[in-house]
Amino acid sequence: MTIKNRLFKMHPAVLVLGSFLLAIVVGALLLTLPFSSRFARMSPMDALFTATSAVCVTGLSVVDTGSYFSIFGQVIILILIQIGGLGVMTISVMLFQWLGKSISIRQRMAMQDVFSHTPRHDIFDLVKSVLIFTIGAEAIGTLLLTLQWMKVFPFSKALYFGLFHSVSAFCNAGFALFPDSIVRYSDQLMIVGPLCALIVVGGIGFPVLYDLQSCFRGPKPRIRLTIQTKTVLLTTAVLIAGGAVMIAVLEYPNHPEPRSWSHITLTSIFQSITCRTAGFNTIDIPSLHEATLAVMIFLMFFGASPGSCGGGVKTTTLALLAVFAFSRMTRKRRVNMFKKSIPTETLNRSMSLVLLSTGIITMVIFMLLVGDVATGRNVAGHHGAFLAYVFETVSAFGTVGLSMGVTPLLSNWSKLWIILTMIIGRVGVLTFSYIITGGNAMGGKEYAEQNLMIG
C-alpha cells in the first residue's frame, strides 16, 4: 500500500495528531541549529520541549525566549505558535483549496472534528473565515501594541514585539520576549487591554465567532444564537468575572506592596483571563498564596472553549456538569439548557472527559514525583514540590503555560511527561483515547441489572 493510500485511509483523529507531531519534530530540529540560539546550542530534549510547547500553544519554556534565542529561533517559535493555534490540517486544507487541489473526505472530517460540533455543509466557509479572522485580529493587535511600544523602542523592534505578542496572545500561547512576561506592564491598560481581548477572542472558539459573524452578515441578519454560542459566552463571562473577584479578594488585601484599585482590578482581570490557557502573567506566580493558586488551577483545568486555540477540559464541559448536577439535585430526568435538551451521549462524554483528564493529570504528577525520588532532585520552593508539580501539570494539560518556576529545573524524565501532557491537552483527551483504543464501539456482554449504593 502506498503512502498516499495509507494517508487516505487514516482516521481524522490520527491525521490531526500526526500533523501536530510532524510540526513538533520539524520545529525541534530547527531549534537545535547553531544559529537558532544566541549562546550555546540547544540540547535536543530542550528543543523538543520548546517546540512542543509552541505547537501545543502552551508557553512553558526551559529558557528565557527573548534572551536565549536568536531572531531566527524566535521566528521559528512564532511560526510554530501560529501553526499550532490554527492547526496544521487547517492550513494545509486551505493551501490545497487555493492551489485547486482536491481535498479528501478524511481531511473534511478532520476539519469537522476540530471546528464544528454538528455536521455542516459549509465547513470550507468556516475554515476560510477562521483564517481571515485570525489574520485580522492579529493585525489589529499588532497595530495597537506597536503604537505603545514605539514610545520606548525603535519602530522595527516595536513592530516585531507587537507582532510576536499579538500572535502569542491570540493563539493563547503565552510566549513572551520579556524575562518577566508582562509583569512590567501590569498597570498599563493600552498593553494589557489588547492582550486580554486577543486572548478572549482566541479562546472562545472559532465556531462561536463564526456564529456571531453570521448574525450580522447577509441581507437578513438573524438574532438567534446556537446553544453552543450561548453556553460558551455565558460560561466564559462567569469564569472571567468569578476568577477576577477571587484573585483580588484572596491576594491583595494583605499584599506587601500597596496598589491602586485600578491596578488591582486590571491585574486580577488579566490573570483570570490568562489562566484560561494564555500563559502570560502580570504577577509573580511563585509568590501567590495557596488559595489563589488553587483558583488558578481550577481555571486552567477547564481552560478555553471547543474549537479554539486553547486547551483544557473546555468551558462547555463545565457548564454541562453544573447543569447536570443541578438537574439531578432537583430530580429532573432531562438536562435542559436554553430550552433545549442535551443528548445523554453528550453528557456521558463530558463526564468521561473529566474523569479521564483527572486520571491523566494524577498519573503525570505521580510520575514527576517518582522521578524526583529516583534522581534525588528537589525542585521544591516554599510551597513544596507537590503543589508546584500539580500547578505545572495542570498548566501543561490546559496548554496554559503558567509555572511556579520549576520548568527549567525539570529532569529529562519529567520533561518527557510534560511533553506528553501538552500533546494530549492540545489534541484532546477523547481524540487521543480514540487513537489508542480505536473507534469501534464495543457493546460487551449485558447481564441482569442490580442496584449499588452510592454517596
Protein backbone atom coordinates (compact mmCIF):
# COMPACT_ATOMS: atom_id res chain seq x y z
CA MET A 1 0.00 0.00 0.00
CA THR A 2 1.41 3.40 -0.97
CA ILE A 3 1.91 6.24 1.49
CA LYS A 4 -0.86 8.21 -0.24
CA ASN A 5 -3.32 5.36 0.23
CA ARG A 6 -2.32 4.97 3.86
CA LEU A 7 -2.94 8.68 4.48
CA PHE A 8 -6.28 8.43 2.70
CA LYS A 9 -7.41 5.59 4.97
CA MET A 10 -6.30 7.29 8.20
CA HIS A 11 -8.96 8.37 10.66
CA PRO A 12 -9.22 12.17 11.13
CA ALA A 13 -8.03 11.82 14.74
CA VAL A 14 -4.82 10.15 13.56
CA LEU A 15 -4.34 12.84 10.90
CA VAL A 16 -4.70 15.61 13.48
CA LEU A 17 -2.25 14.01 15.91
CA GLY A 18 0.18 13.17 13.12
CA SER A 19 0.16 16.74 11.83
CA PHE A 20 0.98 18.09 15.28
CA LEU A 21 3.77 15.55 15.81
CA LEU A 22 5.26 16.37 12.41
CA ALA A 23 5.29 20.08 13.21
CA ILE A 24 6.88 19.38 16.60
CA VAL A 25 9.68 17.24 15.15
CA VAL A 26 10.49 19.74 12.38
CA GLY A 27 10.39 22.62 14.86
CA ALA A 28 12.67 20.81 17.29
CA LEU A 29 15.22 20.12 14.56
CA LEU A 30 15.23 23.78 13.54
CA LEU A 31 15.67 24.94 17.14
CA THR A 32 18.75 22.75 17.56
CA LEU A 33 20.54 24.58 14.73
CA PRO A 34 23.51 26.65 15.95
CA PHE A 35 22.09 29.94 14.68
CA SER A 36 18.74 29.41 16.45
CA SER A 37 20.26 30.46 19.79
CA ARG A 38 22.47 33.34 20.86
CA PHE A 39 24.72 31.26 23.09
CA ALA A 40 25.25 27.51 23.41
CA ARG A 41 23.46 25.19 21.02
CA MET A 42 20.17 23.98 22.45
CA SER A 43 20.05 20.35 23.57
CA PRO A 44 17.69 18.02 21.67
CA MET A 45 15.50 17.48 24.74
CA ASP A 46 15.10 21.21 25.42
CA ALA A 47 14.44 21.83 21.73
CA LEU A 48 11.77 19.12 21.71
CA PHE A 49 10.21 20.60 24.85
CA THR A 50 10.18 24.12 23.41
CA ALA A 51 8.81 23.01 20.04
CA THR A 52 6.05 21.01 21.74
CA SER A 53 5.18 23.97 23.94
CA ALA A 54 4.97 26.24 20.87
CA VAL A 55 2.96 23.88 18.64
CA CYS A 56 0.64 22.99 21.52
CA VAL A 57 0.36 26.75 22.26
CA THR A 58 1.29 26.17 25.89
CA GLY A 59 4.06 28.64 26.70
CA LEU A 60 6.09 26.60 29.17
CA SER A 61 9.76 27.24 28.49
CA VAL A 62 13.02 25.93 29.91
CA VAL A 63 14.85 29.12 28.85
CA ASP A 64 14.07 32.81 28.51
CA THR A 65 12.72 33.14 24.97
CA GLY A 66 13.79 36.74 24.43
CA SER A 67 17.41 36.43 25.56
CA TYR A 68 18.28 32.81 24.71
CA PHE A 69 17.01 32.51 21.14
CA SER A 70 18.28 34.50 18.17
CA ILE A 71 15.84 36.31 15.90
CA PHE A 72 15.80 33.20 13.70
CA GLY A 73 14.92 30.99 16.67
CA GLN A 74 12.22 33.39 17.83
CA VAL A 75 10.68 33.47 14.36
CA ILE A 76 10.66 29.66 14.29
CA ILE A 77 8.81 29.67 17.62
CA LEU A 78 6.38 32.28 16.29
CA ILE A 79 5.64 30.17 13.20
CA LEU A 80 5.14 27.08 15.36
CA ILE A 81 2.72 29.02 17.56
CA GLN A 82 0.70 30.13 14.54
CA ILE A 83 0.66 26.63 13.09
CA GLY A 84 -0.32 25.15 16.43
CA GLY A 85 -3.02 27.73 17.05
CA LEU A 86 -4.76 27.21 13.73
CA GLY A 87 -3.82 23.57 13.31
CA VAL A 88 -1.68 22.02 10.60
CA MET A 89 -4.72 20.46 8.94
CA THR A 90 -6.45 23.83 8.66
CA ILE A 91 -3.50 25.45 6.93
CA SER A 92 -2.91 22.50 4.59
CA VAL A 93 -6.59 22.29 3.59
CA MET A 94 -6.72 25.98 2.71
CA LEU A 95 -3.46 25.77 0.77
CA PHE A 96 -4.79 22.82 -1.21
CA GLN A 97 -8.01 24.68 -1.94
CA TRP A 98 -6.18 27.81 -3.11
CA LEU A 99 -3.98 25.67 -5.36
CA GLY A 100 -7.03 23.98 -6.84
CA LYS A 101 -6.18 20.58 -5.36
CA SER A 102 -8.87 18.16 -4.25
CA ILE A 103 -9.50 17.60 -0.54
CA SER A 104 -10.05 14.08 0.72
CA ILE A 105 -13.06 13.12 2.78
CA ARG A 106 -10.68 12.37 5.67
CA GLN A 107 -9.44 15.95 5.67
CA ARG A 108 -13.01 17.21 5.59
CA MET A 109 -13.82 15.03 8.60
CA ALA A 110 -10.71 16.28 10.40
CA MET A 111 -11.88 19.87 9.93
CA GLN A 112 -15.33 18.82 11.10
CA ASP A 113 -13.86 17.38 14.33
CA VAL A 114 -11.76 20.47 15.00
CA PHE A 115 -14.13 23.33 14.17
CA SER A 116 -17.69 22.14 14.33
CA HIS A 117 -19.86 20.38 16.91
CA THR A 118 -22.51 19.34 14.37
CA PRO A 119 -22.27 18.25 10.73
CA ARG A 120 -22.36 21.22 8.37
CA HIS A 121 -22.08 21.68 4.64
CA ASP A 122 -20.22 24.99 4.86
CA ILE A 123 -17.11 23.62 6.58
CA PHE A 124 -14.85 25.27 3.99
CA ASP A 125 -16.51 28.63 4.57
CA LEU A 126 -15.89 28.16 8.27
CA VAL A 127 -12.22 27.33 7.77
CA LYS A 128 -11.82 30.30 5.42
CA SER A 129 -13.42 32.59 7.98
CA VAL A 130 -11.07 31.21 10.63
CA LEU A 131 -8.01 32.24 8.63
CA ILE A 132 -9.40 35.66 7.68
CA PHE A 133 -10.49 36.43 11.23
CA THR A 134 -7.16 35.25 12.65
CA ILE A 135 -5.17 37.48 10.31
CA GLY A 136 -7.44 40.45 11.03
CA ALA A 137 -7.39 40.05 14.81
CA GLU A 138 -3.63 39.59 14.95
CA ALA A 139 -3.10 42.58 12.64
CA ILE A 140 -5.21 44.85 14.87
CA GLY A 141 -3.42 43.55 17.96
CA THR A 142 -0.05 44.13 16.32
CA LEU A 143 -1.01 47.71 15.44
CA LEU A 144 -2.22 48.56 18.95
CA LEU A 145 0.80 47.04 20.68
CA THR A 146 3.25 48.57 18.21
CA LEU A 147 1.85 52.04 18.86
CA GLN A 148 2.54 51.61 22.57
CA TRP A 149 5.99 50.07 22.26
CA MET A 150 7.06 52.75 19.76
CA LYS A 151 7.24 55.05 22.78
CA VAL A 152 10.18 53.10 24.20
CA PHE A 153 11.59 51.05 21.29
CA PRO A 154 12.66 51.82 17.72
CA PHE A 155 9.88 51.24 15.18
CA SER A 156 11.30 47.95 13.83
CA LYS A 157 11.66 46.47 17.31
CA ALA A 158 8.26 47.77 18.41
CA LEU A 159 6.64 46.23 15.32
CA TYR A 160 8.37 42.90 15.90
CA PHE A 161 7.41 42.84 19.58
CA GLY A 162 3.84 43.80 18.68
CA LEU A 163 3.55 41.02 16.10
CA PHE A 164 5.12 38.35 18.33
CA HIS A 165 2.95 39.09 21.36
CA SER A 166 -0.20 39.57 19.28
CA VAL A 167 0.16 36.14 17.67
CA SER A 168 1.13 34.59 21.00
CA ALA A 169 -1.91 36.11 22.70
CA PHE A 170 -4.48 35.25 20.01
CA CYS A 171 -3.21 31.67 19.80
CA ASN A 172 -3.29 31.50 23.62
CA ALA A 173 0.39 30.52 23.64
CA GLY A 174 1.80 32.79 26.32
CA PHE A 175 5.34 33.05 24.95
CA ALA A 176 6.79 36.49 25.75
CA LEU A 177 10.03 38.20 24.79
CA PHE A 178 10.42 39.80 28.22
CA PRO A 179 12.06 37.81 31.06
CA ASP A 180 9.20 38.69 33.44
CA SER A 181 6.45 38.01 30.88
CA ILE A 182 4.14 41.07 31.10
CA VAL A 183 4.74 41.95 34.76
CA ARG A 184 6.45 45.25 33.90
CA TYR A 185 3.28 46.37 32.06
CA SER A 186 0.78 45.20 34.67
CA ASP A 187 -0.63 48.71 35.18
CA GLN A 188 -0.66 49.80 31.51
CA LEU A 189 -4.16 49.40 30.11
CA MET A 190 -3.16 50.06 26.49
CA ILE A 191 -0.90 47.00 26.53
CA VAL A 192 -2.80 44.70 28.89
CA GLY A 193 -6.17 45.56 27.29
CA PRO A 194 -5.35 44.40 23.72
CA LEU A 195 -3.71 41.26 25.10
CA CYS A 196 -6.86 40.48 27.11
CA ALA A 197 -9.06 40.97 24.05
CA LEU A 198 -6.87 38.77 21.87
CA ILE A 199 -6.78 36.00 24.49
CA VAL A 200 -10.56 36.01 24.94
CA VAL A 201 -11.31 36.10 21.21
CA GLY A 202 -8.82 33.33 20.52
CA GLY A 203 -10.19 31.24 23.37
CA ILE A 204 -13.96 31.31 22.83
CA GLY A 205 -13.73 29.11 19.76
CA PHE A 206 -13.97 29.64 16.03
CA PRO A 207 -17.48 28.12 15.77
CA VAL A 208 -18.70 30.78 18.20
CA LEU A 209 -17.01 33.57 16.25
CA TYR A 210 -18.48 32.20 13.02
CA ASP A 211 -21.94 32.05 14.58
CA LEU A 212 -21.66 35.63 15.85
CA GLN A 213 -20.46 36.76 12.44
CA SER A 214 -23.42 35.05 10.75
CA CYS A 215 -25.82 37.03 12.91
CA PHE A 216 -24.75 40.29 11.30
CA ARG A 217 -23.98 39.07 7.78
CA GLY A 218 -26.30 38.83 4.81
CA PRO A 219 -29.39 40.71 3.70
CA LYS A 220 -31.44 39.36 6.62
CA PRO A 221 -29.30 39.20 9.75
CA ARG A 222 -30.56 36.72 12.33
CA ILE A 223 -30.58 37.23 16.08
CA ARG A 224 -30.87 33.65 17.32
CA LEU A 225 -27.61 32.12 18.51
CA THR A 226 -26.85 28.43 18.79
CA ILE A 227 -26.80 26.75 22.18
CA GLN A 228 -23.03 26.30 21.71
CA THR A 229 -22.51 30.05 21.40
CA LYS A 230 -24.79 30.91 24.31
CA THR A 231 -23.12 28.37 26.60
CA VAL A 232 -19.59 29.46 25.70
CA LEU A 233 -20.28 33.18 26.10
CA LEU A 234 -22.10 32.81 29.41
CA THR A 235 -19.59 30.38 30.92
CA THR A 236 -16.64 32.47 29.75
CA ALA A 237 -18.10 35.61 31.29
CA VAL A 238 -18.80 33.84 34.60
CA LEU A 239 -15.32 32.34 34.78
CA ILE A 240 -13.58 35.63 33.97
CA ALA A 241 -15.62 37.65 36.46
CA GLY A 242 -15.56 34.99 39.17
CA GLY A 243 -11.84 34.33 38.76
CA ALA A 244 -11.00 38.03 38.88
CA VAL A 245 -13.02 38.57 42.05
CA MET A 246 -11.46 35.54 43.75
CA ILE A 247 -7.91 36.58 42.84
CA ALA A 248 -8.48 40.15 44.02
CA VAL A 249 -10.10 39.07 47.30
CA LEU A 250 -7.58 36.34 48.11
CA GLU A 251 -4.39 38.06 47.06
CA TYR A 252 -4.48 41.82 47.51
CA PRO A 253 -5.93 42.63 50.98
CA ASN A 254 -2.62 41.58 52.58
CA HIS A 255 -0.33 42.38 49.66
CA PRO A 256 3.04 43.78 50.86
CA GLU A 257 3.03 46.48 48.16
CA PRO A 258 0.06 48.88 48.24
CA ARG A 259 -1.63 49.22 44.86
CA SER A 260 -4.43 51.35 43.47
CA TRP A 261 -7.88 49.89 42.88
CA SER A 262 -7.46 50.33 39.14
CA HIS A 263 -4.18 48.39 39.22
CA ILE A 264 -5.72 45.61 41.32
CA THR A 265 -8.75 45.39 39.02
CA LEU A 266 -6.66 45.30 35.84
CA THR A 267 -4.24 42.73 37.23
CA SER A 268 -7.00 40.47 38.58
CA ILE A 269 -8.99 40.53 35.33
CA PHE A 270 -5.90 39.88 33.22
CA GLN A 271 -4.74 36.99 35.40
CA SER A 272 -8.22 35.47 35.42
CA ILE A 273 -8.30 35.64 31.61
CA THR A 274 -4.77 34.37 31.06
CA CYS A 275 -5.31 31.42 33.42
CA ARG A 276 -7.82 30.09 30.94
CA THR A 277 -4.98 28.98 28.57
CA ALA A 278 -2.91 32.02 27.61
CA GLY A 279 0.06 31.78 29.97
CA PHE A 280 1.06 35.44 30.24
CA ASN A 281 1.34 36.77 33.77
CA THR A 282 1.35 40.22 35.30
CA ILE A 283 2.02 38.96 38.81
CA ASP A 284 4.80 36.79 40.25
CA ILE A 285 3.25 33.29 40.34
CA PRO A 286 5.54 31.66 42.98
CA SER A 287 4.76 34.45 45.47
CA LEU A 288 0.99 33.89 45.40
CA HIS A 289 -0.98 32.40 48.28
CA GLU A 290 -2.05 28.76 48.12
CA ALA A 291 -5.73 29.73 47.87
CA THR A 292 -5.01 31.92 44.85
CA LEU A 293 -3.04 29.12 43.22
CA ALA A 294 -5.98 26.76 43.81
CA VAL A 295 -8.32 29.15 41.98
CA MET A 296 -5.84 29.36 39.10
CA ILE A 297 -5.56 25.57 38.92
CA PHE A 298 -9.35 25.34 38.63
CA LEU A 299 -9.40 27.89 35.80
CA MET A 300 -6.51 26.18 34.00
CA PHE A 301 -8.15 22.76 34.24
CA PHE A 302 -11.29 23.81 32.35
CA GLY A 303 -9.41 26.18 30.05
CA ALA A 304 -10.81 27.55 26.81
CA SER A 305 -13.77 26.59 24.62
CA PRO A 306 -14.13 23.88 21.95
CA GLY A 307 -12.77 24.69 18.51
CA SER A 308 -10.42 27.36 19.85
CA CYS A 309 -6.66 27.82 20.10
CA GLY A 310 -6.69 26.80 23.76
CA GLY A 311 -6.77 23.52 25.64
CA GLY A 312 -8.23 22.18 28.86
CA VAL A 313 -11.42 20.26 29.54
CA LYS A 314 -13.33 23.19 27.97
CA THR A 315 -15.95 25.63 29.22
CA THR A 316 -18.88 23.72 27.73
CA THR A 317 -17.94 20.65 29.77
CA LEU A 318 -18.02 22.70 32.97
CA ALA A 319 -21.41 24.14 32.02
CA LEU A 320 -22.82 20.70 31.24
CA LEU A 321 -21.61 19.22 34.53
CA ALA A 322 -23.03 22.15 36.50
CA VAL A 323 -26.43 21.90 34.84
CA PHE A 324 -26.38 18.10 35.13
CA ALA A 325 -25.69 18.29 38.87
CA PHE A 326 -28.47 20.83 39.35
CA SER A 327 -30.90 18.69 37.34
CA ARG A 328 -30.16 15.64 39.46
CA MET A 329 -30.49 17.56 42.72
CA THR A 330 -33.88 18.85 41.60
CA ARG A 331 -34.82 15.34 40.40
CA LYS A 332 -35.31 16.30 36.77
CA ARG A 333 -34.99 13.46 34.28
CA ARG A 334 -33.56 15.51 31.39
CA VAL A 335 -30.78 18.06 31.31
CA ASN A 336 -32.02 21.23 29.63
CA MET A 337 -30.08 24.33 28.58
CA PHE A 338 -31.60 27.38 26.91
CA LYS A 339 -34.86 25.49 26.30
CA LYS A 340 -33.03 22.63 24.60
CA SER A 341 -32.49 19.08 25.91
CA ILE A 342 -28.93 17.80 25.91
CA PRO A 343 -28.41 14.28 24.48
CA THR A 344 -27.47 11.65 27.03
CA GLU A 345 -24.44 10.67 24.92
CA THR A 346 -23.08 14.22 25.20
CA LEU A 347 -23.44 14.12 28.99
CA ASN A 348 -21.68 10.75 29.14
CA ARG A 349 -18.82 12.10 27.02
CA SER A 350 -18.44 15.15 29.24
CA MET A 351 -18.24 13.05 32.41
CA SER A 352 -15.82 10.64 30.76
CA LEU A 353 -13.69 13.60 29.66
CA VAL A 354 -13.40 14.96 33.19
CA LEU A 355 -12.63 11.54 34.68
CA LEU A 356 -10.02 10.71 32.05
CA SER A 357 -8.43 14.15 32.33
CA THR A 358 -8.25 13.89 36.11
CA GLY A 359 -6.72 10.44 35.83
CA ILE A 360 -4.10 11.59 33.32
CA ILE A 361 -3.12 14.60 35.43
CA THR A 362 -2.89 12.44 38.56
CA MET A 363 -0.69 9.90 36.79
CA VAL A 364 1.66 12.56 35.42
CA ILE A 365 2.01 14.23 38.83
CA PHE A 366 2.86 10.87 40.37
CA MET A 367 5.46 10.15 37.66
CA LEU A 368 7.08 13.56 38.23
CA LEU A 369 7.34 12.84 41.95
CA VAL A 370 8.70 9.36 41.24
CA GLY A 371 11.33 10.93 39.00
CA ASP A 372 12.43 13.19 41.85
CA VAL A 373 12.72 10.22 44.19
CA ALA A 374 14.74 8.22 41.65
CA THR A 375 17.15 11.05 40.82
CA GLY A 376 17.32 12.66 44.25
CA ARG A 377 16.29 16.02 42.79
CA ASN A 378 14.42 18.66 44.77
CA VAL A 379 12.60 21.41 42.90
CA ALA A 380 10.53 22.46 45.90
CA GLY A 381 10.03 26.13 46.54
CA HIS A 382 8.40 27.49 49.64
CA HIS A 383 5.13 25.80 48.56
CA GLY A 384 6.70 22.35 48.18
CA ALA A 385 7.26 20.12 45.17
CA PHE A 386 3.78 18.60 45.20
CA LEU A 387 1.90 21.87 44.70
CA ALA A 388 4.48 23.03 42.16
CA TYR A 389 4.05 19.83 40.15
CA VAL A 390 0.25 19.98 40.36
CA PHE A 391 0.36 23.55 39.04
CA GLU A 392 2.86 22.63 36.30
CA THR A 393 0.94 19.55 35.15
CA VAL A 394 -2.47 21.23 35.03
CA SER A 395 -0.86 24.16 33.22
CA ALA A 396 0.62 21.78 30.64
CA PHE A 397 -2.65 19.86 30.23
CA GLY A 398 -4.66 23.06 29.81
CA THR A 399 -1.96 24.38 27.42
CA VAL A 400 -1.73 27.43 29.67
CA GLY A 401 1.99 27.94 30.23
CA LEU A 402 1.94 29.44 33.72
CA SER A 403 4.54 28.00 36.07
CA MET A 404 5.73 28.33 39.64
CA GLY A 405 9.28 28.41 38.35
CA VAL A 406 10.04 24.68 38.16
CA THR A 407 10.08 24.31 34.35
CA PRO A 408 13.84 25.00 33.92
CA LEU A 409 14.57 22.61 36.80
CA LEU A 410 12.77 19.60 35.33
CA SER A 411 14.79 16.48 34.62
CA ASN A 412 14.67 14.85 31.19
CA TRP A 413 12.29 12.25 32.63
CA SER A 414 9.92 14.98 33.86
CA LYS A 415 10.20 16.92 30.60
CA LEU A 416 9.06 13.85 28.66
CA TRP A 417 5.95 13.54 30.82
CA ILE A 418 5.16 17.24 30.49
CA ILE A 419 5.65 16.97 26.70
CA LEU A 420 3.16 14.10 26.58
CA THR A 421 0.73 16.08 28.74
CA MET A 422 0.92 19.12 26.45
CA ILE A 423 0.23 16.98 23.37
CA ILE A 424 -2.75 15.26 24.99
CA GLY A 425 -4.10 18.59 26.21
CA ARG A 426 -3.86 20.19 22.76
CA VAL A 427 -5.13 17.26 20.68
CA GLY A 428 -7.84 16.40 23.18
CA VAL A 429 -8.30 13.54 25.62
CA LEU A 430 -11.16 11.89 23.73
CA THR A 431 -9.32 12.17 20.41
CA PHE A 432 -6.18 10.73 21.99
CA SER A 433 -8.14 7.89 23.62
CA TYR A 434 -9.67 7.01 20.25
CA ILE A 435 -6.20 6.69 18.71
CA ILE A 436 -5.19 4.28 21.48
CA THR A 437 -8.35 2.17 21.76
CA GLY A 438 -9.88 2.54 18.30
CA GLY A 439 -13.24 3.97 17.37
CA ASN A 440 -15.39 0.85 17.10
CA ALA A 441 -17.89 0.78 19.94
CA MET A 442 -17.77 -2.49 21.86
CA GLY A 443 -21.12 -3.41 23.27
CA GLY A 444 -19.80 -6.12 25.56
CA LYS A 445 -21.93 -8.57 27.49
CA GLU A 446 -25.12 -7.40 29.15
CA TYR A 447 -26.36 -9.01 32.38
CA ALA A 448 -29.31 -8.52 34.67
CA GLU A 449 -29.30 -5.18 36.50
CA GLN A 450 -28.68 -4.89 40.23
CA ASN A 451 -28.58 -1.68 42.23
CA LEU A 452 -25.48 -0.39 44.04
CA MET A 453 -25.35 2.06 46.94
CA ILE A 454 -23.51 5.31 46.25
CA GLY A 455 -22.97 8.59 48.07
